[in-house]
Protein backbone atom coordinates (compact mmCIF):
# COMPACT_ATOMS: atom_id res chain seq x y z
CA MET A 1 7.97 -63.35 -13.86
CA SER A 2 4.69 -63.35 -11.99
CA ASP A 3 3.34 -59.82 -12.52
CA ALA A 4 6.59 -58.70 -13.25
CA THR A 5 5.71 -57.66 -16.98
CA GLU A 6 6.60 -54.08 -17.23
CA PHE A 7 9.92 -53.65 -19.20
CA VAL A 8 12.29 -50.23 -17.89
CA SER A 9 15.39 -49.48 -18.17
CA PHE A 10 18.19 -46.86 -18.51
CA THR A 11 21.34 -45.70 -17.34
CA LEU A 12 24.45 -45.16 -15.38
CA GLY A 13 26.92 -43.83 -15.87
CA ASN A 14 28.18 -46.12 -18.98
CA VAL A 15 26.36 -48.57 -17.49
CA THR A 16 23.02 -49.87 -19.47
CA VAL A 17 20.28 -51.69 -17.24
CA SER A 18 16.98 -52.86 -18.17
CA GLY A 19 14.01 -55.38 -15.90
CA PHE A 20 11.06 -56.37 -15.18
CA VAL A 21 8.68 -54.66 -12.75
CA THR A 22 5.03 -54.78 -11.84
CA ALA A 23 2.61 -51.87 -13.59
CA GLY A 24 1.31 -50.88 -9.85
CA GLU A 25 5.70 -49.98 -9.38
CA LEU A 26 6.01 -48.82 -12.33
CA SER A 27 3.41 -46.48 -12.09
CA GLN A 28 5.32 -45.56 -8.83
CA MET A 29 7.98 -45.21 -10.25
CA HIS A 30 6.67 -42.51 -12.78
CA SER A 31 4.40 -40.52 -10.18
CA GLY A 32 7.43 -39.32 -8.02
CA GLU A 33 7.25 -41.19 -5.33
CA VAL A 34 10.07 -42.72 -3.13
CA VAL A 35 9.56 -46.48 -4.05
CA ASP A 36 11.10 -49.57 -3.24
CA VAL A 37 10.88 -52.39 -6.19
CA LEU A 38 12.39 -55.65 -7.01
CA LEU A 39 13.69 -55.23 -10.90
CA ARG A 40 13.64 -58.57 -11.93
CA HIS A 41 15.74 -60.98 -14.51
CA VAL A 42 17.90 -57.36 -14.71
CA ILE A 43 20.42 -57.46 -17.28
CA ALA A 44 23.65 -55.07 -17.14
CA VAL A 45 25.64 -53.98 -20.13
CA HIS A 46 28.54 -51.56 -20.09
CA GLY A 47 29.17 -49.15 -22.99
CA ASP A 48 32.69 -50.47 -23.87
CA VAL A 49 31.97 -53.84 -23.98
CA GLY A 50 29.38 -54.18 -24.95
CA GLU A 51 28.36 -58.13 -23.13
CA GLU A 52 25.58 -58.31 -20.86
CA VAL A 53 25.94 -59.09 -17.63
CA PRO A 54 22.92 -60.90 -15.63
CA LEU A 55 22.24 -59.99 -12.50
CA GLY A 56 19.47 -62.08 -11.18
CA ASP A 57 16.80 -59.48 -9.11
CA VAL A 58 17.97 -56.38 -7.98
CA ALA A 59 16.33 -54.83 -5.30
CA CYS A 60 16.15 -50.67 -5.89
CA THR A 61 14.87 -47.91 -4.18
CA PHE A 62 12.99 -45.27 -7.13
CA ILE A 63 13.52 -41.46 -6.50
CA GLY A 64 11.91 -38.80 -8.32
CA GLY A 65 11.14 -41.54 -10.79
CA GLU A 66 15.16 -42.20 -10.35
CA PRO A 67 17.32 -44.78 -8.82
CA SER A 68 18.52 -43.46 -6.28
CA PRO A 69 21.50 -45.31 -3.92
CA PHE A 70 20.16 -43.71 -0.44
CA VAL A 71 17.53 -45.19 0.94
CA PRO A 72 15.56 -42.18 2.48
CA PRO A 73 13.94 -43.82 6.24
CA ARG A 74 11.09 -45.62 7.88
CA SER A 75 8.69 -44.10 9.34
């Protein structure tokens, strides 16, 4: 798992997503920065089903500490 040792979990609608990030990525996420992270060993669980679905590694952009479907333009 390399240096991705920090566990993160968040809920999107009725789906809970969890995985691991590096300490630096977690710090940037908590500070509210716009940050691209690679969530490692991601597991998704739908609240009505309860079955874990492994998604592997997932690239994600966080804005204001929240996952965002929007990727800001790079300058």
